[in-house]
PDB file of N, CA and C in Angstrom:
ATOM      1  N   MET A   1       0.753  -1.145  -0.023  1.00  0.00           N
ATOM      2  CA  MET A   1       0.161   0.162  -0.187  1.00  0.00           C
ATOM      3  C   MET A   1       0.802   1.520  -0.083  1.00  0.00           C
ATOM      4  N   SER A   2       0.774   2.309  -1.013  1.00  0.00           N
ATOM      5  CA  SER A   2       1.529   3.831  -1.163  1.00  0.00           C
ATOM      6  C   SER A   2       0.717   4.079  -0.485  1.00  0.00           C
ATOM      7  N   MET A   3       1.567   5.218  -0.143  1.00  0.00           N
ATOM      8  CA  MET A   3       0.955   6.411   0.793  1.00  0.00           C
ATOM      9  C   MET A   3       1.297   7.620  -0.089  1.00  0.00           C
ATOM     10  N   GLU A   4       0.427   8.334  -0.768  1.00  0.00           N
ATOM     11  CA  GLU A   4       1.157   9.619  -1.190  1.00  0.00           C
ATOM     12  C   GLU A   4       1.603  10.574  -0.116  1.00  0.00           C
ATOM     13  N   LEU A   5       2.409  11.390  -0.198  1.00  0.00           N
ATOM     14  CA  LEU A   5       2.915  12.679   0.499  1.00  0.00           C
ATOM     15  C   LEU A   5       1.936  13.739   0.215  1.00  0.00           C
ATOM     16  N   GLY A   6       1.723  14.350   1.170  1.00  0.00           N
ATOM     17  CA  GLY A   6       0.728  15.796   1.271  1.00  0.00           C
ATOM     18  C   GLY A   6       1.490  16.814   0.905  1.00  0.00           C
ATOM     19  N   LEU A   7       1.254  17.908   0.521  1.00  0.00           N
ATOM     20  CA  LEU A   7       1.932  19.040   0.246  1.00  0.00           C
ATOM     21  C   LEU A   7       3.047  19.572   0.934  1.00  0.00           C
ATOM     22  N   TYR A   8       2.587  19.247   3.067  1.00  0.00           N
ATOM     23  CA  TYR A   8       3.324  19.922   3.387  1.00  0.00           C
ATOM     24  C   TYR A   8       4.644  19.050   3.741  1.00  0.00           C
ATOM     25  N   GLU A   9       4.525  17.730   3.616  1.00  0.00           N
ATOM     26  CA  GLU A   9       5.271  16.774   3.592  1.00  0.00           C
ATOM     27  C   GLU A   9       6.446  16.952   2.394  1.00  0.00           C
ATOM     28  N   GLN A  10       5.954  17.348   1.321  1.00  0.00           N
ATOM     29  CA  GLN A  10       6.593  17.392   0.340  1.00  0.00           C
ATOM     30  C   GLN A  10       7.794  18.733   0.231  1.00  0.00           C
ATOM     31  N   LEU A  11       7.114  19.617   0.537  1.00  0.00           N
ATOM     32  CA  LEU A  11       7.742  20.918   1.021  1.00  0.00           C
ATOM     33  C   LEU A  11       8.715  20.607   1.940  1.00  0.00           C
ATOM     34  N   ILE A  12       8.668  19.903   3.342  1.00  0.00           N
ATOM     35  CA  ILE A  12       9.758  19.260   4.269  1.00  0.00           C
ATOM     36  C   ILE A  12      10.371  18.860   3.654  1.00  0.00           C
ATOM     37  N   ASN A  13      10.367  17.905   2.884  1.00  0.00           N
ATOM     38  CA  ASN A  13      11.617  16.892   2.137  1.00  0.00           C
ATOM     39  C   ASN A  13      12.299  17.571   1.601  1.00  0.00           C
ATOM     40  N   LYS A  14      11.793  18.534   0.870  1.00  0.00           N
ATOM     41  CA  LYS A  14      12.705  19.608  -0.283  1.00  0.00           C
ATOM     42  C   LYS A  14      13.724  20.139   0.289  1.00  0.00           C
ATOM     43  N   VAL A  15      12.975  20.792   1.604  1.00  0.00           N
ATOM     44  CA  VAL A  15      13.676  21.762   2.310  1.00  0.00           C
ATOM     45  C   VAL A  15      15.166  20.967   2.927  1.00  0.00           C
ATOM     46  N   ILE A  16      14.780  20.085   3.606  1.00  0.00           N
ATOM     47  CA  ILE A  16      15.709  18.813   4.322  1.00  0.00           C
ATOM     48  C   ILE A  16      16.480  18.167   3.297  1.00  0.00           C
ATOM     49  N   SER A  17      16.767  17.527   2.245  1.00  0.00           N
ATOM     50  CA  SER A  17      17.091  17.387   1.476  1.00  0.00           C
ATOM     51  C   SER A  17      18.183  18.888   0.493  1.00  0.00           C
ATOM     52  N   ALA A  18      17.727  19.858   0.226  1.00  0.00           N
ATOM     53  CA  ALA A  18      18.392  20.756  -0.615  1.00  0.00           C
ATOM     54  C   ALA A  18      19.390  21.430   0.838  1.00  0.00           C
ATOM     55  N   LYS A  19      19.372  21.259   1.904  1.00  0.00           N
ATOM     56  CA  LYS A  19      19.816  21.870   3.026  1.00  0.00           C
ATOM     57  C   LYS A  19      21.267  20.729   3.131  1.00  0.00           C
ATOM     58  N   LEU A  20      20.764  19.043   3.140  1.00  0.00           N
ATOM     59  CA  LEU A  20      22.165  18.186   3.293  1.00  0.00           C
ATOM     60  C   LEU A  20      22.669  18.396   1.810  1.00  0.00           C
ATOM     61  N   ASN A  21      22.407  18.740   0.777  1.00  0.00           N
ATOM     62  CA  ASN A  21      23.144  18.642  -0.509  1.00  0.00           C
ATOM     63  C   ASN A  21      24.471  20.052  -0.557  1.00  0.00           C
ATOM     64  N   GLN A  22      23.499  20.695   0.619  1.00  0.00           N
ATOM     65  CA  GLN A  22      24.714  21.804   0.670  1.00  0.00           C
ATOM     66  C   GLN A  22      25.725  21.909   1.407  1.00  0.00           C
ATOM     67  N   LEU A  23      25.664  20.737   2.451  1.00  0.00           N
ATOM     68  CA  LEU A  23      26.668  20.367   3.320  1.00  0.00           C
ATOM     69  C   LEU A  23      28.207  20.106   2.711  1.00  0.00           C
ATOM     70  N   ASP A  24      29.200  20.350   3.309  1.00  0.00           N
ATOM     71  CA  ASP A  24      30.395  20.406   2.683  1.00  0.00           C
ATOM     72  C   ASP A  24      30.640  18.703   3.038  1.00  0.00           C
ATOM     73  N   LYS A  25      30.866  17.929   1.985  1.00  0.00           N
ATOM     74  CA  LYS A  25      31.066  16.395   2.331  1.00  0.00           C
ATOM     75  C   LYS A  25      32.607  15.986   2.748  1.00  0.00           C
ATOM     76  N   ASN A  26      33.296  16.594   2.996  1.00  0.00           N
ATOM     77  CA  ASN A  26      34.848  16.949   3.266  1.00  0.00           C
ATOM     78  C   ASN A  26      34.788  16.852   4.943  1.00  0.00           C
ATOM     79  N   LYS A  27      33.516  17.678   5.222  1.00  0.00           N
ATOM     80  CA  LYS A  27      33.610  18.367   6.588  1.00  0.00           C
ATOM     81  C   LYS A  27      32.227  17.738   7.656  1.00  0.00           C
ATOM     82  N   PHE A  28      31.353  16.836   6.661  1.00  0.00           N
ATOM     83  CA  PHE A  28      30.446  15.988   7.434  1.00  0.00           C
ATOM     84  C   PHE A  28      30.356  14.367   6.724  1.00  0.00           C
ATOM     85  N   TYR A  29      29.937  13.751   7.651  1.00  0.00           N
ATOM     86  CA  TYR A  29      29.259  12.249   7.223  1.00  0.00           C
ATOM     87  C   TYR A  29      27.932  11.994   7.205  1.00  0.00           C
ATOM     88  N   ILE A  30      27.354  11.823   6.062  1.00  0.00           N
ATOM     89  CA  ILE A  30      25.798  11.998   6.357  1.00  0.00           C
ATOM     90  C   ILE A  30      25.439  10.277   5.570  1.00  0.00           C
ATOM     91  N   LYS A  31      25.324   9.347   6.402  1.00  0.00           N
ATOM     92  CA  LYS A  31      24.561   7.962   6.140  1.00  0.00           C
ATOM     93  C   LYS A  31      23.274   7.965   6.086  1.00  0.00           C
ATOM     94  N   GLN A  32      22.576   7.513   5.165  1.00  0.00           N
ATOM     95  CA  GLN A  32      21.256   7.366   4.605  1.00  0.00           C
ATOM     96  C   GLN A  32      20.839   5.525   4.827  1.00  0.00           C
ATOM     97  N   THR A  33      20.050   5.301   5.903  1.00  0.00           N
ATOM     98  CA  THR A  33      19.723   3.733   5.143  1.00  0.00           C
ATOM     99  C   THR A  33      18.202   3.890   5.735  1.00  0.00           C
ATOM    100  N   ASN A  34      17.506   2.763   5.238  1.00  0.00           N
ATOM    101  CA  ASN A  34      16.146   2.610   5.251  1.00  0.00           C
ATOM    102  C   ASN A  34      15.748   1.835   6.460  1.00  0.00           C
ATOM    103  N   ILE A  35      14.719   2.653   7.095  1.00  0.00           N
ATOM    104  CA  ILE A  35      14.227   2.182   8.162  1.00  0.00           C
ATOM    105  C   ILE A  35      12.710   1.580   8.223  1.00  0.00           C
ATOM    106  N   ASP A  36      12.471   0.976   9.404  1.00  0.00           N
ATOM    107  CA  ASP A  36      10.651   0.664   9.363  1.00  0.00           C
ATOM    108  C   ASP A  36       9.867   1.413   9.759  1.00  0.00           C
ATOM    109  N   LYS A  37       8.566   1.639   9.618  1.00  0.00           N
ATOM    110  CA  LYS A  37       7.326   2.589   9.918  1.00  0.00           C
ATOM    111  C   LYS A  37       7.885   2.356  11.531  1.00  0.00           C
ATOM    112  N   ALA A  38       7.450   1.453  11.841  1.00  0.00           N
ATOM    113  CA  ALA A  38       7.973   1.590  13.824  1.00  0.00           C
ATOM    114  C   ALA A  38       9.353   2.196  14.161  1.00  0.00           C
ATOM    115  N   GLU A  39      10.347   1.958  13.589  1.00  0.00           N
ATOM    116  CA  GLU A  39      11.477   3.201  13.936  1.00  0.00           C
ATOM    117  C   GLU A  39      11.570   4.049  14.000  1.00  0.00           C
ATOM    118  N   ALA A  40      10.527   4.601  12.511  1.00  0.00           N
ATOM    119  CA  ALA A  40      10.543   6.069  12.357  1.00  0.00           C
ATOM    120  C   ALA A  40       9.762   6.806  13.361  1.00  0.00           C
ATOM    121  N   ALA A  41       8.866   6.166  13.519  1.00  0.00           N
ATOM    122  CA  ALA A  41       8.049   6.787  14.193  1.00  0.00           C
ATOM    123  C   ALA A  41       9.022   6.881  16.068  1.00  0.00           C
ATOM    124  N   LYS A  42       9.261   6.011  16.324  1.00  0.00           N
ATOM    125  CA  LYS A  42      10.302   5.980  17.613  1.00  0.00           C
ATOM    126  C   LYS A  42      11.098   7.433  17.502  1.00  0.00           C
ATOM    127  N   LEU A  43      12.105   7.183  16.144  1.00  0.00           N
ATOM    128  CA  LEU A  43      13.331   8.250  16.053  1.00  0.00           C
ATOM    129  C   LEU A  43      12.521   9.572  15.967  1.00  0.00           C
ATOM    130  N   LEU A  44      11.510   9.811  15.347  1.00  0.00           N
ATOM    131  CA  LEU A  44      10.870  11.250  15.278  1.00  0.00           C
ATOM    132  C   LEU A  44      10.073  11.598  16.335  1.00  0.00           C
ATOM    133  N   ALA A  45       9.865  10.472  17.477  1.00  0.00           N
ATOM    134  CA  ALA A  45       9.108  10.741  18.782  1.00  0.00           C
ATOM    135  C   ALA A  45      10.333  11.299  19.588  1.00  0.00           C
ATOM    136  N   GLN A  46      11.605  10.455  19.545  1.00  0.00           N
ATOM    137  CA  GLN A  46      12.989  11.108  20.254  1.00  0.00           C
ATOM    138  C   GLN A  46      13.204  12.451  19.863  1.00  0.00           C
ATOM    139  N   TYR A  47      13.533  12.720  18.457  1.00  0.00           N
ATOM    140  CA  TYR A  47      13.390  14.122  18.019  1.00  0.00           C
ATOM    141  C   TYR A  47      12.976  14.658  18.553  1.00  0.00           C
ATOM    142  N   LEU A  48      11.530  14.874  18.184  1.00  0.00           N
ATOM    143  CA  LEU A  48      10.904  16.051  18.729  1.00  0.00           C
ATOM    144  C   LEU A  48      10.560  16.104  20.202  1.00  0.00           C
ATOM    145  N   SER A  49      10.524  15.013  20.783  1.00  0.00           N
ATOM    146  CA  SER A  49      10.830  15.390  22.758  1.00  0.00           C
ATOM    147  C   SER A  49      12.125  16.090  22.950  1.00  0.00           C
ATOM    148  N   SER A  50      13.303  16.005  21.939  1.00  0.00           N
ATOM    149  CA  SER A  50      14.634  16.712  22.381  1.00  0.00           C
ATOM    150  C   SER A  50      14.378  18.042  22.031  1.00  0.00           C
ATOM    151  N   VAL A  51      13.566  18.593  20.514  1.00  0.00           N
ATOM    152  CA  VAL A  51      13.503  19.694  20.047  1.00  0.00           C
ATOM    153  C   VAL A  51      12.564  20.613  21.345  1.00  0.00           C
ATOM    154  N   VAL A  52      11.422  19.871  21.821  1.00  0.00           N
ATOM    155  CA  VAL A  52      10.380  20.595  22.398  1.00  0.00           C
ATOM    156  C   VAL A  52      11.159  20.610  24.206  1.00  0.00           C
ATOM    157  N   LYS A  53      12.105  19.381  24.636  1.00  0.00           N
ATOM    158  CA  LYS A  53      12.699  20.004  25.949  1.00  0.00           C
ATOM    159  C   LYS A  53      13.751  21.143  25.724  1.00  0.00           C
ATOM    160  N   TYR A  54      14.093  21.589  24.636  1.00  0.00           N
ATOM    161  CA  TYR A  54      15.205  22.520  24.735  1.00  0.00           C
ATOM    162  C   TYR A  54      14.544  23.724  24.549  1.00  0.00           C
ATOM    163  N   ALA A  55      13.667  23.793  23.224  1.00  0.00           N
ATOM    164  CA  ALA A  55      12.493  24.975  23.708  1.00  0.00           C
ATOM    165  C   ALA A  55      12.079  25.586  24.774  1.00  0.00           C
ATOM    166  N   LEU A  56      11.694  24.465  25.879  1.00  0.00           N
ATOM    167  CA  LEU A  56      10.972  24.474  27.059  1.00  0.00           C
ATOM    168  C   LEU A  56      11.735  25.260  28.095  1.00  0.00           C
ATOM    169  N   SER A  57      13.025  24.891  27.985  1.00  0.00           N
ATOM    170  CA  SER A  57      14.374  24.846  28.801  1.00  0.00           C
ATOM    171  C   SER A  57      14.716  26.675  28.302  1.00  0.00           C
ATOM    172  N   LEU A  58      14.208  27.371  27.362  1.00  0.00           N
ATOM    173  CA  LEU A  58      14.630  28.560  26.925  1.00  0.00           C
ATOM    174  C   LEU A  58      13.924  29.748  27.647  1.00  0.00           C
ATOM    175  N   ILE A  59      12.392  28.925  27.993  1.00  0.00           N
ATOM    176  CA  ILE A  59      11.449  29.957  28.100  1.00  0.00           C
ATOM    177  C   ILE A  59      11.816  29.958  30.191  1.00  0.00           C
ATOM    178  N   SER A  60      11.464  31.494  30.498  1.00  0.00           N
ATOM    179  CA  SER A  60      11.896  31.543  31.931  1.00  0.00           C
ATOM    180  C   SER A  60      11.192  33.049  32.127  1.00  0.00           C
ATOM    181  N   GLY A  61      11.490  33.491  33.382  1.00  0.00           N
ATOM    182  CA  GLY A  61      10.651  35.071  33.939  1.00  0.00           C
ATOM    183  C   GLY A  61       9.422  34.510  34.112  1.00  0.00           C
ATOM    184  N   ASP A  62       8.221  35.708  33.519  1.00  0.00           N
ATOM    185  CA  ASP A  62       6.818  35.444  33.407  1.00  0.00           C
ATOM    186  C   ASP A  62       6.408  34.902  32.273  1.00  0.00           C
ATOM    187  N   ASP A  63       7.232  34.343  31.150  1.00  0.00           N
ATOM    188  CA  ASP A  63       6.950  33.145  30.153  1.00  0.00           C
ATOM    189  C   ASP A  63       7.255  31.992  30.467  1.00  0.00           C
ATOM    190  N   SER A  64       7.498  31.354  31.934  1.00  0.00           N
ATOM    191  CA  SER A  64       8.097  30.151  32.104  1.00  0.00           C
ATOM    192  C   SER A  64       6.797  29.234  31.966  1.00  0.00           C
ATOM    193  N   ILE A  65       6.607  28.036  32.367  1.00  0.00           N
ATOM    194  CA  ILE A  65       6.039  27.156  32.179  1.00  0.00           C
ATOM    195  C   ILE A  65       5.555  26.659  33.622  1.00  0.00           C
ATOM    196  N   ARG A  66       4.276  26.605  34.031  1.00  0.00           N
ATOM    197  CA  ARG A  66       4.002  26.248  35.426  1.00  0.00           C
ATOM    198  C   ARG A  66       3.139  24.976  35.655  1.00  0.00           C
ATOM    199  N   GLY A  67       3.737  24.431  36.419  1.00  0.00           N
ATOM    200  CA  GLY A  67       3.260  22.666  36.413  1.00  0.00           C
ATOM    201  C   GLY A  67       2.256  22.488  37.595  1.00  0.00           C
TER     202      GLY A  67
END
């Protein structure tokens, strides 16, 4: 079953691909490998978790998160 990408996903893929192609190949090692859907979901969740955690750590003062 093939799933078509939406416009947003296509745009994100193009931007990421363009940025990766601009990197100096002598300075960075970029490994590409196929992963299954379950692993992709886990990796994306881990990445998003770290990004959100970092973003929330930048909030301070009156804008801080109260729990």
